[in-house]
C-alpha atoms as a PDB file:
ATOM      1  CA  MET A   1     -29.027 -21.050 -19.707  1.00  0.00           C
ATOM      2  CA  LYS A   2     -28.020 -18.759 -16.623  1.00  0.00           C
ATOM      3  CA  ARG A   3     -26.611 -15.472 -17.563  1.00  0.00           C
ATOM      4  CA  HIS A   4     -24.044 -13.680 -15.148  1.00  0.00           C
ATOM      5  CA  VAL A   5     -25.646 -10.189 -14.433  1.00  0.00           C
ATOM      6  CA  LYS A   6     -23.332  -7.558 -13.267  1.00  0.00           C
ATOM      7  CA  PRO A   7     -24.553  -6.134  -9.920  1.00  0.00           C
ATOM      8  CA  PRO A   8     -25.414  -2.460  -9.822  1.00  0.00           C
ATOM      9  CA  PRO A   9     -22.577  -0.273  -8.585  1.00  0.00           C
ATOM     10  CA  ILE A  10     -22.703   0.673  -4.854  1.00  0.00           C
ATOM     11  CA  VAL A  11     -23.537   4.496  -4.652  1.00  0.00           C
ATOM     12  CA  SER A  12     -24.305   4.872  -0.930  1.00  0.00           C
ATOM     13  CA  VAL A  13     -23.834   3.233   2.442  1.00  0.00           C
ATOM     14  CA  GLN A  14     -26.036   3.740   5.387  1.00  0.00           C
ATOM     15  CA  ASN A  15     -24.695   3.094   8.916  1.00  0.00           C
ATOM     16  CA  LEU A  16     -25.061   4.175  12.442  1.00  0.00           C
ATOM     17  CA  PHE A  17     -22.925   7.273  12.945  1.00  0.00           C
ATOM     18  CA  ASN A  18     -23.289  10.429  14.924  1.00  0.00           C
ATOM     19  CA  LEU A  19     -21.291  12.322  17.659  1.00  0.00           C
ATOM     20  CA  VAL A  20     -21.733   9.541  20.251  1.00  0.00           C
ATOM     21  CA  LYS A  21     -21.462   6.364  17.902  1.00  0.00           C
ATOM     22  CA  ARG A  22     -18.533   6.592  15.529  1.00  0.00           C
ATOM     23  CA  ASP A  23     -17.831   2.848  14.908  1.00  0.00           C
ATOM     24  CA  ALA A  24     -18.170   3.278  11.102  1.00  0.00           C
ATOM     25  CA  GLU A  25     -15.346   5.898  10.763  1.00  0.00           C
ATOM     26  CA  PRO A  26     -13.544   3.390   8.500  1.00  0.00           C
ATOM     27  CA  VAL A  27     -16.425   2.867   6.280  1.00  0.00           C
ATOM     28  CA  LEU A  28     -16.861   6.857   6.103  1.00  0.00           C
ATOM     29  CA  ASP A  29     -13.267   7.039   5.416  1.00  0.00           C
ATOM     30  CA  TYR A  30     -13.747   4.219   2.466  1.00  0.00           C
ATOM     31  CA  CYS A  31     -16.799   6.202   1.176  1.00  0.00           C
ATOM     32  CA  LYS A  32     -14.867   9.520   1.150  1.00  0.00           C
ATOM     33  CA  ARG A  33     -12.018   7.771  -0.927  1.00  0.00           C
ATOM     34  CA  HIS A  34     -14.245   6.190  -3.332  1.00  0.00           C
ATOM     35  CA  ASN A  35     -16.642   9.400  -3.640  1.00  0.00           C
ATOM     36  CA  LEU A  36     -19.817   7.207  -2.497  1.00  0.00           C
ATOM     37  CA  ALA A  37     -22.495   8.762  -0.368  1.00  0.00           C
ATOM     38  CA  PHE A  38     -22.630   8.069   3.414  1.00  0.00           C
ATOM     39  CA  ILE A  39     -25.940   8.387   5.186  1.00  0.00           C
ATOM     40  CA  PRO A  40     -25.626   8.483   8.884  1.00  0.00           C
ATOM     41  CA  TRP A  41     -28.456   6.489  10.549  1.00  0.00           C
ATOM     42  CA  PHE A  42     -29.496   8.126  14.058  1.00  0.00           C
ATOM     43  CA  PRO A  43     -27.497  11.338  13.211  1.00  0.00           C
ATOM     44  CA  LEU A  44     -28.894  13.297  16.066  1.00  0.00           C
ATOM     45  CA  ALA A  45     -28.003  10.931  18.968  1.00  0.00           C
ATOM     46  CA  THR A  46     -26.197  13.151  21.323  1.00  0.00           C
ATOM     47  CA  GLY A  47     -27.373  11.900  24.556  1.00  0.00           C
ATOM     48  CA  GLN A  48     -25.635  13.460  27.525  1.00  0.00           C
ATOM     49  CA  LEU A  49     -23.540  15.650  25.215  1.00  0.00           C
ATOM     50  CA  ALA A  50     -26.861  17.943  24.922  1.00  0.00           C
ATOM     51  CA  ALA A  51     -27.590  17.914  28.546  1.00  0.00           C
ATOM     52  CA  PRO A  52     -27.635  21.400  30.133  1.00  0.00           C
ATOM     53  CA  GLY A  53     -24.246  22.163  30.858  1.00  0.00           C
ATOM     54  CA  GLY A  54     -22.934  19.595  28.463  1.00  0.00           C
ATOM     55  CA  PRO A  55     -20.409  20.214  25.688  1.00  0.00           C
ATOM     56  CA  LEU A  56     -22.989  20.682  22.947  1.00  0.00           C
ATOM     57  CA  ASP A  57     -25.389  22.703  25.190  1.00  0.00           C
ATOM     58  CA  GLU A  58     -22.483  25.113  25.886  1.00  0.00           C
ATOM     59  CA  LEU A  59     -21.399  25.448  22.531  1.00  0.00           C
ATOM     60  CA  ALA A  60     -25.005  25.813  21.260  1.00  0.00           C
ATOM     61  CA  ASN A  61     -25.622  28.647  23.726  1.00  0.00           C
ATOM     62  CA  LYS A  62     -22.366  30.394  22.418  1.00  0.00           C
ATOM     63  CA  MET A  63     -23.306  29.999  18.869  1.00  0.00           C
ATOM     64  CA  GLY A  64     -27.093  30.712  19.017  1.00  0.00           C
ATOM     65  CA  ALA A  65     -27.797  27.162  17.717  1.00  0.00           C
ATOM     66  CA  SER A  66     -29.523  24.170  19.135  1.00  0.00           C
ATOM     67  CA  PRO A  67     -27.600  20.840  20.085  1.00  0.00           C
ATOM     68  CA  SER A  68     -29.194  18.955  17.153  1.00  0.00           C
ATOM     69  CA  GLN A  69     -28.016  21.833  14.805  1.00  0.00           C
ATOM     70  CA  LEU A  70     -24.415  21.549  16.098  1.00  0.00           C
ATOM     71  CA  ALA A  71     -24.848  17.681  15.572  1.00  0.00           C
ATOM     72  CA  LEU A  72     -25.716  18.182  12.177  1.00  0.00           C
ATOM     73  CA  ALA A  73     -23.199  20.745  11.409  1.00  0.00           C
ATOM     74  CA  TRP A  74     -20.483  18.296  12.830  1.00  0.00           C
ATOM     75  CA  LEU A  75     -21.620  15.602  10.538  1.00  0.00           C
ATOM     76  CA  LEU A  76     -21.577  17.971   7.433  1.00  0.00           C
ATOM     77  CA  LYS A  77     -18.188  19.327   8.239  1.00  0.00           C
ATOM     78  CA  ARG A  78     -16.756  15.800   9.092  1.00  0.00           C
ATOM     79  CA  SER A  79     -17.211  14.580   5.274  1.00  0.00           C
ATOM     80  CA  PRO A  80     -18.365  15.965   2.203  1.00  0.00           C
ATOM     81  CA  VAL A  81     -19.820  12.580   1.221  1.00  0.00           C
ATOM     82  CA  LYS A  82     -22.364  12.533   4.268  1.00  0.00           C
ATOM     83  CA  VAL A  83     -25.985  12.989   3.667  1.00  0.00           C
ATOM     84  CA  PRO A  84     -27.615  13.153   7.126  1.00  0.00           C
ATOM     85  CA  ILE A  85     -31.450  12.465   7.242  1.00  0.00           C
ATOM     86  CA  PRO A  86     -32.722  13.258  10.690  1.00  0.00           C
ATOM     87  CA  GLY A  87     -36.357  11.923  11.119  1.00  0.00           C
ATOM     88  CA  THR A  88     -38.884  14.106  12.516  1.00  0.00           C
ATOM     89  CA  ALA A  89     -42.580  14.208  13.080  1.00  0.00           C
ATOM     90  CA  ARG A  90     -42.939  18.007  13.645  1.00  0.00           C
ATOM     91  CA  VAL A  91     -42.603  20.868  11.176  1.00  0.00           C
ATOM     92  CA  VAL A  92     -40.652  22.992  13.826  1.00  0.00           C
ATOM     93  CA  HIS A  93     -38.004  20.259  14.109  1.00  0.00           C
ATOM     94  CA  LEU A  94     -37.704  19.909  10.416  1.00  0.00           C
ATOM     95  CA  GLU A  95     -36.877  23.647  10.283  1.00  0.00           C
ATOM     96  CA  GLU A  96     -34.741  23.475  13.022  1.00  0.00           C
ATOM     97  CA  ASN A  97     -32.599  20.556  11.358  1.00  0.00           C
ATOM     98  CA  VAL A  98     -32.695  22.397   7.951  1.00  0.00           C
ATOM     99  CA  ALA A  99     -31.209  25.379   9.705  1.00  0.00           C
ATOM    100  CA  GLY A 100     -28.481  23.157  11.063  1.00  0.00           C
ATOM    101  CA  ALA A 101     -26.967  22.924   7.501  1.00  0.00           C
ATOM    102  CA  GLY A 102     -26.304  26.588   7.865  1.00  0.00           C
ATOM    103  CA  VAL A 103     -24.307  26.302  11.148  1.00  0.00           C
ATOM    104  CA  LYS A 104     -20.702  26.851  10.275  1.00  0.00           C
ATOM    105  CA  LEU A 105     -18.207  25.408  13.010  1.00  0.00           C
ATOM    106  CA  SER A 106     -14.765  26.604  13.226  1.00  0.00           C
ATOM    107  CA  ASP A 107     -12.173  24.218  12.966  1.00  0.00           C
ATOM    108  CA  ALA A 108     -11.600  24.550  16.796  1.00  0.00           C
ATOM    109  CA  ASP A 109     -15.001  23.928  17.566  1.00  0.00           C
ATOM    110  CA  PHE A 110     -15.261  20.970  15.119  1.00  0.00           C
ATOM    111  CA  GLU A 111     -12.112  19.341  16.974  1.00  0.00           C
ATOM    112  CA  ARG A 112     -13.617  20.049  20.324  1.00  0.00           C
ATOM    113  CA  LEU A 113     -16.769  18.334  19.391  1.00  0.00           C
ATOM    114  CA  THR A 114     -14.714  15.454  17.651  1.00  0.00           C
ATOM    115  CA  SER A 115     -12.786  15.007  20.838  1.00  0.00           C
ATOM    116  CA  ILE A 116     -15.764  14.331  22.978  1.00  0.00           C
END
């Protein structure tokens, strides 16, 4: 006899999402509406945005932060259901990433990064 087993509830979604790649915006919005965690895959992909003279580099210099810290700050400000988990192999990068949670973007800086 087969039993119908109810699948466990979905509590989180992991998808490619960062300043450069935002195709998963609708999924993130769904997660926010339904209070599901959204784990952005490859959260620090900033490419040319972080190049010297690029938008992240300029703002990072202005704020005394690194481009990766700004990328994390942007992710955290974008939605309260985000749980970015940037990978790293070095303690110094781990410490830099953790410090990114303390970077507070103004609404104007957030909008500037969003519009890139």
